[in-house]
Amino acid sequence: MNSILRRTAATLGTTALVATPLTLMTASPAAAADREFSYGGAQVEYDVEKDDGRFEVEVDVDDAKPGTRWVITLWHDGNRYYHRTRTADSDGDIEVQRSRANTKGKDVFKMRIKKVGGPAAQTRTITRY
């Protein structure tokens, strides 16, 4: 009986050790849904990370049809600081990277993307402290 209890405890302990890193590595579904989404036949990722007291804002468009045009607009605390029409490269990718100063209190970042001649624009907002 003791050997059955020991094996059961060992199995449960091993399962917990293996499952814990997987749980920690995955982002919450709500956060992932806001930052990664499909739009206009492409995959769009929008992210804002703090690095050395500044914010790094990134928009990545992947798997778009090469040569398609996309209007990308970025705001920080309600002030527009980026508005460009970009063309997908031969791999169907577009990358936008911008650095912004950390302001007092919460920082609100907004991104709007519109495929030229495509469906209605999509907007995402990320708040950082």
C-alpha atoms as a PDB file:
ATOM      1  CA  MET A   1       0.000   0.000   0.000  1.00  0.00           C
ATOM      2  CA  ASN A   2       2.839   2.404   0.833  1.00  0.00           C
ATOM      3  CA  SER A   3       4.437   1.843  -2.591  1.00  0.00           C
ATOM      4  CA  ILE A   4       1.163   2.774  -4.331  1.00  0.00           C
ATOM      5  CA  LEU A   5       0.926   5.986  -2.309  1.00  0.00           C
ATOM      6  CA  ARG A   6       4.569   6.843  -3.049  1.00  0.00           C
ATOM      7  CA  ARG A   7       4.106   6.252  -6.804  1.00  0.00           C
ATOM      8  CA  THR A   8       0.906   8.324  -6.836  1.00  0.00           C
ATOM      9  CA  ALA A   9       2.593  11.173  -4.956  1.00  0.00           C
ATOM     10  CA  ALA A  10       5.623  11.019  -7.280  1.00  0.00           C
ATOM     11  CA  THR A  11       3.392  11.068 -10.359  1.00  0.00           C
ATOM     12  CA  LEU A  12       1.400  14.039  -9.057  1.00  0.00           C
ATOM     13  CA  GLY A  13       4.595  15.905  -8.131  1.00  0.00           C
ATOM     14  CA  THR A  14       6.130  15.312 -11.568  1.00  0.00           C
ATOM     15  CA  THR A  15       2.931  16.417 -13.306  1.00  0.00           C
ATOM     16  CA  ALA A  16       2.871  19.626 -11.266  1.00  0.00           C
ATOM     17  CA  LEU A  17       6.523  20.377 -12.065  1.00  0.00           C
ATOM     18  CA  VAL A  18       5.980  19.861 -15.795  1.00  0.00           C
ATOM     19  CA  ALA A  19       2.703  21.822 -15.960  1.00  0.00           C
ATOM     20  CA  THR A  20       3.852  24.859 -13.953  1.00  0.00           C
ATOM     21  CA  PRO A  21       6.312  26.260 -16.546  1.00  0.00           C
ATOM     22  CA  LEU A  22       3.724  25.830 -19.292  1.00  0.00           C
ATOM     23  CA  THR A  23       1.207  27.834 -17.285  1.00  0.00           C
ATOM     24  CA  LEU A  24       3.712  30.603 -16.612  1.00  0.00           C
ATOM     25  CA  MET A  25       4.843  30.863 -20.242  1.00  0.00           C
ATOM     26  CA  THR A  26       1.439  31.436 -21.800  1.00  0.00           C
ATOM     27  CA  ALA A  27      -0.139  34.878 -21.944  1.00  0.00           C
ATOM     28  CA  SER A  28      -3.664  35.325 -20.746  1.00  0.00           C
ATOM     29  CA  PRO A  29      -6.212  34.908 -23.550  1.00  0.00           C
ATOM     30  CA  ALA A  30      -7.511  38.465 -23.085  1.00  0.00           C
ATOM     31  CA  ALA A  31      -4.038  40.003 -23.426  1.00  0.00           C
ATOM     32  CA  ALA A  32      -3.183  37.859 -26.444  1.00  0.00           C
ATOM     33  CA  ALA A  33      -6.500  38.685 -28.137  1.00  0.00           C
ATOM     34  CA  ASP A  34      -5.811  42.412 -27.858  1.00  0.00           C
ATOM     35  CA  ARG A  35      -2.278  42.171 -29.176  1.00  0.00           C
ATOM     36  CA  GLU A  36      -2.516  39.518 -31.879  1.00  0.00           C
ATOM     37  CA  PHE A  37      -5.348  39.373 -34.358  1.00  0.00           C
ATOM     38  CA  SER A  38      -6.217  38.603 -37.968  1.00  0.00           C
ATOM     39  CA  TYR A  39      -7.150  41.460 -40.237  1.00  0.00           C
ATOM     40  CA  GLY A  40      -7.324  41.916 -44.006  1.00  0.00           C
ATOM     41  CA  GLY A  41      -5.819  38.503 -44.734  1.00  0.00           C
ATOM     42  CA  ALA A  42      -2.779  39.082 -42.495  1.00  0.00           C
ATOM     43  CA  GLN A  43      -1.690  38.505 -38.913  1.00  0.00           C
ATOM     44  CA  VAL A  44      -1.187  41.686 -36.899  1.00  0.00           C
ATOM     45  CA  GLU A  45       0.714  41.949 -33.631  1.00  0.00           C
ATOM     46  CA  TYR A  46       0.660  45.123 -31.541  1.00  0.00           C
ATOM     47  CA  ASP A  47       2.809  45.410 -28.440  1.00  0.00           C
ATOM     48  CA  VAL A  48       4.040  48.048 -25.988  1.00  0.00           C
ATOM     49  CA  GLU A  49       6.897  47.200 -23.629  1.00  0.00           C
ATOM     50  CA  LYS A  50       8.829  49.349 -21.159  1.00  0.00           C
ATOM     51  CA  ASP A  51      12.596  49.320 -21.704  1.00  0.00           C
ATOM     52  CA  ASP A  52      15.056  51.507 -19.746  1.00  0.00           C
ATOM     53  CA  GLY A  53      12.304  53.924 -18.681  1.00  0.00           C
ATOM     54  CA  ARG A  54      10.936  54.356 -22.224  1.00  0.00           C
ATOM     55  CA  PHE A  55       8.196  52.538 -24.100  1.00  0.00           C
ATOM     56  CA  GLU A  56       8.963  50.470 -27.181  1.00  0.00           C
ATOM     57  CA  VAL A  57       5.907  50.365 -29.450  1.00  0.00           C
ATOM     58  CA  GLU A  58       5.818  47.712 -32.171  1.00  0.00           C
ATOM     59  CA  VAL A  59       3.348  46.848 -34.897  1.00  0.00           C
ATOM     60  CA  ASP A  60       4.092  43.781 -37.014  1.00  0.00           C
ATOM     61  CA  VAL A  61       2.034  42.728 -40.002  1.00  0.00           C
ATOM     62  CA  ASP A  62       2.831  39.208 -41.209  1.00  0.00           C
ATOM     63  CA  ASP A  63       1.582  37.088 -44.093  1.00  0.00           C
ATOM     64  CA  ALA A  64      -0.047  39.985 -45.952  1.00  0.00           C
ATOM     65  CA  LYS A  65      -0.197  39.832 -49.724  1.00  0.00           C
ATOM     66  CA  PRO A  66       3.106  41.318 -50.981  1.00  0.00           C
ATOM     67  CA  GLY A  67       2.622  44.828 -52.344  1.00  0.00           C
ATOM     68  CA  THR A  68      -0.573  45.562 -50.417  1.00  0.00           C
ATOM     69  CA  ARG A  69      -0.743  48.958 -48.726  1.00  0.00           C
ATOM     70  CA  TRP A  70      -1.610  49.561 -45.104  1.00  0.00           C
ATOM     71  CA  VAL A  71      -2.274  52.779 -43.178  1.00  0.00           C
ATOM     72  CA  ILE A  72      -0.911  52.580 -39.633  1.00  0.00           C
ATOM     73  CA  THR A  73      -1.610  55.292 -37.053  1.00  0.00           C
ATOM     74  CA  LEU A  74      -0.268  55.428 -33.483  1.00  0.00           C
ATOM     75  CA  TRP A  75      -1.317  57.630 -30.537  1.00  0.00           C
ATOM     76  CA  HIS A  76       0.230  58.104 -27.097  1.00  0.00           C
ATOM     77  CA  ASP A  77      -2.021  59.671 -24.455  1.00  0.00           C
ATOM     78  CA  GLY A  78      -4.326  60.969 -27.198  1.00  0.00           C
ATOM     79  CA  ASN A  79      -1.562  62.605 -29.273  1.00  0.00           C
ATOM     80  CA  ARG A  80      -0.970  61.185 -32.737  1.00  0.00           C
ATOM     81  CA  TYR A  81       2.738  60.639 -33.318  1.00  0.00           C
ATOM     82  CA  TYR A  82       2.824  58.255 -36.288  1.00  0.00           C
ATOM     83  CA  HIS A  83       0.669  58.098 -39.421  1.00  0.00           C
ATOM     84  CA  ARG A  84       2.078  56.393 -42.522  1.00  0.00           C
ATOM     85  CA  THR A  85       1.002  54.278 -45.448  1.00  0.00           C
ATOM     86  CA  ARG A  86       3.318  51.274 -45.642  1.00  0.00           C
ATOM     87  CA  THR A  87       3.651  48.609 -48.336  1.00  0.00           C
ATOM     88  CA  ALA A  88       4.052  44.912 -47.490  1.00  0.00           C
ATOM     89  CA  ASP A  89       7.458  43.615 -48.596  1.00  0.00           C
ATOM     90  CA  SER A  90       8.062  40.538 -50.773  1.00  0.00           C
ATOM     91  CA  ASP A  91       7.461  38.298 -47.712  1.00  0.00           C
ATOM     92  CA  GLY A  92       4.205  40.115 -46.903  1.00  0.00           C
ATOM     93  CA  ASP A  93       5.663  41.774 -43.809  1.00  0.00           C
ATOM     94  CA  ILE A  94       5.561  45.299 -42.372  1.00  0.00           C
ATOM     95  CA  GLU A  95       7.363  46.375 -39.200  1.00  0.00           C
ATOM     96  CA  VAL A  96       6.891  49.626 -37.309  1.00  0.00           C
ATOM     97  CA  GLN A  97       9.020  50.331 -34.229  1.00  0.00           C
ATOM     98  CA  ARG A  98       8.831  53.570 -32.272  1.00  0.00           C
ATOM     99  CA  SER A  99      10.158  54.682 -28.895  1.00  0.00           C
ATOM    100  CA  ARG A 100       8.148  56.944 -26.588  1.00  0.00           C
ATOM    101  CA  ALA A 101       8.972  58.646 -23.302  1.00  0.00           C
ATOM    102  CA  ASN A 102       7.275  57.455 -20.138  1.00  0.00           C
ATOM    103  CA  THR A 103       4.805  60.100 -18.958  1.00  0.00           C
ATOM    104  CA  LYS A 104       3.513  60.618 -15.429  1.00  0.00           C
ATOM    105  CA  GLY A 105       0.800  58.147 -14.408  1.00  0.00           C
ATOM    106  CA  LYS A 106      -0.688  55.658 -16.805  1.00  0.00           C
ATOM    107  CA  ASP A 107       0.282  55.733 -20.478  1.00  0.00           C
ATOM    108  CA  VAL A 108      -2.409  54.924 -23.034  1.00  0.00           C
ATOM    109  CA  PHE A 109      -1.288  53.696 -26.451  1.00  0.00           C
ATOM    110  CA  LYS A 110      -3.681  53.301 -29.352  1.00  0.00           C
ATOM    111  CA  MET A 111      -3.066  51.724 -32.752  1.00  0.00           C
ATOM    112  CA  ARG A 112      -5.299  51.880 -35.826  1.00  0.00           C
ATOM    113  CA  ILE A 113      -4.614  49.772 -38.907  1.00  0.00           C
ATOM    114  CA  LYS A 114      -6.430  49.979 -42.236  1.00  0.00           C
ATOM    115  CA  LYS A 115      -5.711  47.903 -45.327  1.00  0.00           C
ATOM    116  CA  VAL A 116      -6.107  50.205 -48.363  1.00  0.00           C
ATOM    117  CA  GLY A 117      -9.162  48.914 -50.235  1.00  0.00           C
ATOM    118  CA  GLY A 118      -9.811  46.380 -47.466  1.00  0.00           C
ATOM    119  CA  PRO A 119     -12.303  45.950 -44.642  1.00  0.00           C
ATOM    120  CA  ALA A 120     -13.079  48.554 -41.960  1.00  0.00           C
ATOM    121  CA  ALA A 121     -10.101  49.624 -39.860  1.00  0.00           C
ATOM    122  CA  GLN A 122      -9.220  47.838 -36.631  1.00  0.00           C
ATOM    123  CA  THR A 123      -8.179  49.658 -33.461  1.00  0.00           C
ATOM    124  CA  ARG A 124      -6.441  48.361 -30.343  1.00  0.00           C
ATOM    125  CA  THR A 125      -5.566  50.129 -27.086  1.00  0.00           C
ATOM    126  CA  ILE A 126      -2.908  49.172 -24.526  1.00  0.00           C
ATOM    127  CA  THR A 127      -2.528  50.884 -21.144  1.00  0.00           C
ATOM    128  CA  ARG A 128       0.795  50.746 -19.276  1.00  0.00           C
ATOM    129  CA  TYR A 129       1.815  52.080 -15.869  1.00  0.00           C
END
